[in-house]
Amino acid sequence: MDEAQARAWLGTALAEARAGLAEGGIPVGAALYAADGTLLGRGRNRRVQDGDPSLHAETAAFRAAGRQRSYRGTTMVTTLSPCWYCSGLVRQFGIGRVVVGEAVTFHGGHGWLAEHGTEIVVLDDPQCVELMRGFVRERPELWREDIGE
């Protein structure tokens, strides 16, 4: 995948992450793109805002995309390496590529996805890293809750 395109798509996910932080939530955003570049869905982690532990950014983007005949050829773009829950969603539905904004703060399941044939693009974007580092510094208890510690 072209890095310029990956970074452009990351902008959508980053906007979602910032919106989530502004709402008092966990700043992780995601977007699901079709093979032709059409934005299918976007979302943000809303665990805090909605009191629903299943509302991760990737699941929100997936749900916003609606039912698709197939997810092969789609790209999930996320500001943070996907957790095991979201990695399972990617694997279950055959999402072909995941663009990871950063894997410095949290190294989720993207290595496992790569081992099972998903194309992984890790950008380690400075904006994503700083957004998460700031959040972890300001809200360590919420961060630990989110990652199951």
C-alpha atoms as a PDB file:
ATOM      1  CA  MET A   1       0.000   0.000   0.000  1.00  0.00           C
ATOM      2  CA  ASP A   2       1.201   3.485  -0.818  1.00  0.00           C
ATOM      3  CA  GLU A   3       2.288   5.244   2.401  1.00  0.00           C
ATOM      4  CA  ALA A   4       0.800   8.578   1.300  1.00  0.00           C
ATOM      5  CA  GLN A   5      -2.603   6.917   0.878  1.00  0.00           C
ATOM      6  CA  ALA A   6      -2.279   5.158   4.235  1.00  0.00           C
ATOM      7  CA  ARG A   7      -1.490   8.465   5.947  1.00  0.00           C
ATOM      8  CA  ALA A   8      -4.394  10.213   4.214  1.00  0.00           C
ATOM      9  CA  TRP A   9      -6.797   7.530   5.426  1.00  0.00           C
ATOM     10  CA  LEU A  10      -5.242   7.725   8.886  1.00  0.00           C
ATOM     11  CA  GLY A  11      -6.443  11.338   9.006  1.00  0.00           C
ATOM     12  CA  THR A  12     -10.043  10.090   9.153  1.00  0.00           C
ATOM     13  CA  ALA A  13      -9.271   7.774  12.063  1.00  0.00           C
ATOM     14  CA  LEU A  14      -7.267  10.468  13.852  1.00  0.00           C
ATOM     15  CA  ALA A  15     -10.203  12.892  13.631  1.00  0.00           C
ATOM     16  CA  GLU A  16     -12.386  10.235  15.271  1.00  0.00           C
ATOM     17  CA  ALA A  17      -9.805   9.674  18.027  1.00  0.00           C
ATOM     18  CA  ARG A  18      -9.650  13.393  18.787  1.00  0.00           C
ATOM     19  CA  ALA A  19     -13.445  13.609  18.875  1.00  0.00           C
ATOM     20  CA  GLY A  20     -13.526  10.725  21.345  1.00  0.00           C
ATOM     21  CA  LEU A  21     -11.012  12.440  23.607  1.00  0.00           C
ATOM     22  CA  ALA A  22     -13.031  15.677  23.472  1.00  0.00           C
ATOM     23  CA  GLU A  23     -16.067  13.677  24.644  1.00  0.00           C
ATOM     24  CA  GLY A  24     -14.110  12.373  27.641  1.00  0.00           C
ATOM     25  CA  GLY A  25     -13.444   8.986  26.090  1.00  0.00           C
ATOM     26  CA  ILE A  26     -10.476   6.896  25.041  1.00  0.00           C
ATOM     27  CA  PRO A  27      -8.755   8.478  22.007  1.00  0.00           C
ATOM     28  CA  VAL A  28      -8.769   5.633  19.509  1.00  0.00           C
ATOM     29  CA  GLY A  29     -10.336   6.109  16.087  1.00  0.00           C
ATOM     30  CA  ALA A  30     -10.823   3.855  13.088  1.00  0.00           C
ATOM     31  CA  ALA A  31     -12.118   3.846   9.532  1.00  0.00           C
ATOM     32  CA  LEU A  32     -12.976   1.053   7.108  1.00  0.00           C
ATOM     33  CA  TYR A  33     -12.223   1.628   3.423  1.00  0.00           C
ATOM     34  CA  ALA A  34     -13.284  -0.356   0.358  1.00  0.00           C
ATOM     35  CA  ALA A  35     -10.700  -1.534  -2.166  1.00  0.00           C
ATOM     36  CA  ASP A  36     -11.617   1.390  -4.439  1.00  0.00           C
ATOM     37  CA  GLY A  37     -10.941   3.899  -1.645  1.00  0.00           C
ATOM     38  CA  THR A  38     -14.556   4.541  -0.688  1.00  0.00           C
ATOM     39  CA  LEU A  39     -15.008   5.253   3.008  1.00  0.00           C
ATOM     40  CA  LEU A  40     -17.425   2.575   4.238  1.00  0.00           C
ATOM     41  CA  GLY A  41     -17.543   3.505   7.916  1.00  0.00           C
ATOM     42  CA  ARG A  42     -15.763   5.411  10.636  1.00  0.00           C
ATOM     43  CA  GLY A  43     -15.944   5.342  14.400  1.00  0.00           C
ATOM     44  CA  ARG A  44     -14.267   5.873  17.724  1.00  0.00           C
ATOM     45  CA  ASN A  45     -13.926   4.103  21.008  1.00  0.00           C
ATOM     46  CA  ARG A  46     -17.127   4.916  22.937  1.00  0.00           C
ATOM     47  CA  ARG A  47     -16.711   2.611  25.931  1.00  0.00           C
ATOM     48  CA  VAL A  48     -16.829   5.538  28.356  1.00  0.00           C
ATOM     49  CA  GLN A  49     -19.417   7.678  26.588  1.00  0.00           C
ATOM     50  CA  ASP A  50     -21.926   4.842  26.115  1.00  0.00           C
ATOM     51  CA  GLY A  51     -20.931   2.605  29.026  1.00  0.00           C
ATOM     52  CA  ASP A  52     -20.527  -0.279  26.575  1.00  0.00           C
ATOM     53  CA  PRO A  53     -17.247  -2.217  26.785  1.00  0.00           C
ATOM     54  CA  SER A  54     -17.732  -3.619  23.269  1.00  0.00           C
ATOM     55  CA  LEU A  55     -17.665  -0.233  21.537  1.00  0.00           C
ATOM     56  CA  HIS A  56     -14.074  -0.100  20.395  1.00  0.00           C
ATOM     57  CA  ALA A  57     -13.076   2.132  17.477  1.00  0.00           C
ATOM     58  CA  GLU A  58     -12.690  -0.740  15.023  1.00  0.00           C
ATOM     59  CA  THR A  59     -16.040  -2.278  15.950  1.00  0.00           C
ATOM     60  CA  ALA A  60     -17.711   1.132  15.629  1.00  0.00           C
ATOM     61  CA  ALA A  61     -16.245   1.649  12.136  1.00  0.00           C
ATOM     62  CA  PHE A  62     -17.222  -1.901  11.166  1.00  0.00           C
ATOM     63  CA  ARG A  63     -20.796  -1.388  12.364  1.00  0.00           C
ATOM     64  CA  ALA A  64     -21.032   2.003  10.632  1.00  0.00           C
ATOM     65  CA  ALA A  65     -20.015   0.336   7.359  1.00  0.00           C
ATOM     66  CA  GLY A  66     -23.114  -1.801   7.477  1.00  0.00           C
ATOM     67  CA  ARG A  67     -23.508  -5.205   5.980  1.00  0.00           C
ATOM     68  CA  GLN A  68     -21.132  -5.908   3.107  1.00  0.00           C
ATOM     69  CA  ARG A  69     -21.250  -8.951   0.856  1.00  0.00           C
ATOM     70  CA  SER A  70     -17.557  -9.446   1.530  1.00  0.00           C
ATOM     71  CA  TYR A  71     -14.864  -7.627   3.480  1.00  0.00           C
ATOM     72  CA  ARG A  72     -12.014  -9.042   1.399  1.00  0.00           C
ATOM     73  CA  GLY A  73     -10.065  -6.197  -0.123  1.00  0.00           C
ATOM     74  CA  THR A  74     -11.110  -3.745   2.567  1.00  0.00           C
ATOM     75  CA  THR A  75      -8.696  -1.830   4.777  1.00  0.00           C
ATOM     76  CA  MET A  76      -9.219  -1.113   8.465  1.00  0.00           C
ATOM     77  CA  VAL A  77      -7.327   1.997   9.527  1.00  0.00           C
ATOM     78  CA  THR A  78      -6.855   2.482  13.254  1.00  0.00           C
ATOM     79  CA  THR A  79      -4.899   4.991  15.299  1.00  0.00           C
ATOM     80  CA  LEU A  80      -3.644   2.290  17.687  1.00  0.00           C
ATOM     81  CA  SER A  81      -2.642  -1.341  17.201  1.00  0.00           C
ATOM     82  CA  PRO A  82      -5.874  -3.347  17.473  1.00  0.00           C
ATOM     83  CA  CYS A  83      -6.536  -5.250  20.682  1.00  0.00           C
ATOM     84  CA  TRP A  84      -7.259  -8.981  20.580  1.00  0.00           C
ATOM     85  CA  TYR A  85     -11.006  -8.364  20.418  1.00  0.00           C
ATOM     86  CA  CYS A  86     -10.679  -6.121  17.357  1.00  0.00           C
ATOM     87  CA  SER A  87      -8.015  -8.342  15.817  1.00  0.00           C
ATOM     88  CA  GLY A  88     -10.520 -11.185  16.036  1.00  0.00           C
ATOM     89  CA  LEU A  89     -13.076  -9.100  14.153  1.00  0.00           C
ATOM     90  CA  VAL A  90     -10.549  -8.401  11.382  1.00  0.00           C
ATOM     91  CA  ARG A  91      -9.706 -12.094  11.117  1.00  0.00           C
ATOM     92  CA  GLN A  92     -13.305 -13.316  11.359  1.00  0.00           C
ATOM     93  CA  PHE A  93     -14.493 -11.160   8.476  1.00  0.00           C
ATOM     94  CA  GLY A  94     -11.373 -11.416   6.322  1.00  0.00           C
ATOM     95  CA  ILE A  95     -10.453  -7.741   6.284  1.00  0.00           C
ATOM     96  CA  GLY A  96      -7.374  -7.868   4.081  1.00  0.00           C
ATOM     97  CA  ARG A  97      -5.293  -4.996   5.393  1.00  0.00           C
ATOM     98  CA  VAL A  98      -4.880  -3.058   8.635  1.00  0.00           C
ATOM     99  CA  VAL A  99      -3.148   0.309   8.778  1.00  0.00           C
ATOM    100  CA  VAL A 100      -1.896   0.965  12.318  1.00  0.00           C
ATOM    101  CA  GLY A 101      -1.315   4.579  13.297  1.00  0.00           C
ATOM    102  CA  GLU A 102       0.965   3.575  16.148  1.00  0.00           C
ATOM    103  CA  ALA A 103       2.160   0.486  17.967  1.00  0.00           C
ATOM    104  CA  VAL A 104       4.488   2.245  20.415  1.00  0.00           C
ATOM    105  CA  THR A 105       1.996   2.778  23.242  1.00  0.00           C
ATOM    106  CA  PHE A 106       0.244  -0.557  22.782  1.00  0.00           C
ATOM    107  CA  HIS A 107       1.348  -3.558  20.758  1.00  0.00           C
ATOM    108  CA  GLY A 108      -1.937  -5.362  20.244  1.00  0.00           C
ATOM    109  CA  GLY A 109      -2.718  -8.203  17.879  1.00  0.00           C
ATOM    110  CA  HIS A 110      -1.335  -6.882  14.612  1.00  0.00           C
ATOM    111  CA  GLY A 111       1.592  -9.337  14.675  1.00  0.00           C
ATOM    112  CA  TRP A 112      -0.838 -12.236  15.016  1.00  0.00           C
ATOM    113  CA  LEU A 113      -2.892 -10.862  12.137  1.00  0.00           C
ATOM    114  CA  ALA A 114       0.233 -10.669   9.965  1.00  0.00           C
ATOM    115  CA  GLU A 115       1.045 -14.287  10.801  1.00  0.00           C
ATOM    116  CA  HIS A 116      -2.401 -15.235   9.502  1.00  0.00           C
ATOM    117  CA  GLY A 117      -2.170 -13.411   6.192  1.00  0.00           C
ATOM    118  CA  THR A 118      -3.475  -9.923   6.910  1.00  0.00           C
ATOM    119  CA  GLU A 119      -1.353  -7.179   5.367  1.00  0.00           C
ATOM    120  CA  ILE A 120      -0.175  -4.864   8.153  1.00  0.00           C
ATOM    121  CA  VAL A 121       1.115  -1.323   7.640  1.00  0.00           C
ATOM    122  CA  VAL A 122       2.512   0.257  10.824  1.00  0.00           C
ATOM    123  CA  LEU A 123       3.038   4.004  10.447  1.00  0.00           C
ATOM    124  CA  ASP A 124       4.101   4.926  14.007  1.00  0.00           C
ATOM    125  CA  ASP A 125       2.630   8.347  13.312  1.00  0.00           C
ATOM    126  CA  PRO A 126       3.905  11.013  15.758  1.00  0.00           C
ATOM    127  CA  GLN A 127       0.429  12.532  16.172  1.00  0.00           C
ATOM    128  CA  CYS A 128      -1.047   9.168  17.147  1.00  0.00           C
ATOM    129  CA  VAL A 129       1.828   8.436  19.534  1.00  0.00           C
ATOM    130  CA  GLU A 130       1.522  11.820  21.260  1.00  0.00           C
ATOM    131  CA  LEU A 131      -2.267  11.571  21.508  1.00  0.00           C
ATOM    132  CA  MET A 132      -2.054   8.210  23.286  1.00  0.00           C
ATOM    133  CA  ARG A 133       0.921   9.145  25.473  1.00  0.00           C
ATOM    134  CA  GLY A 134      -0.925  12.238  26.651  1.00  0.00           C
ATOM    135  CA  PHE A 135      -4.024  10.201  27.414  1.00  0.00           C
ATOM    136  CA  VAL A 136      -2.094   7.513  29.307  1.00  0.00           C
ATOM    137  CA  ARG A 137      -0.335  10.221  31.323  1.00  0.00           C
ATOM    138  CA  GLU A 138      -3.607  12.032  32.164  1.00  0.00           C
ATOM    139  CA  ARG A 139      -5.919   9.014  32.642  1.00  0.00           C
ATOM    140  CA  PRO A 140      -3.783   5.995  33.617  1.00  0.00           C
ATOM    141  CA  GLU A 141      -6.644   4.270  35.437  1.00  0.00           C
ATOM    142  CA  LEU A 142      -8.924   4.454  32.395  1.00  0.00           C
ATOM    143  CA  TRP A 143      -6.114   3.251  30.129  1.00  0.00           C
ATOM    144  CA  ARG A 144      -5.463   0.232  32.372  1.00  0.00           C
ATOM    145  CA  GLU A 145      -9.184  -0.547  32.379  1.00  0.00           C
ATOM    146  CA  ASP A 146      -9.303  -0.339  28.588  1.00  0.00           C
ATOM    147  CA  ILE A 147      -6.426  -2.778  28.095  1.00  0.00           C
ATOM    148  CA  GLY A 148      -7.698  -5.159  30.776  1.00  0.00           C
ATOM    149  CA  GLU A 149      -5.118  -4.579  33.498  1.00  0.00           C
END
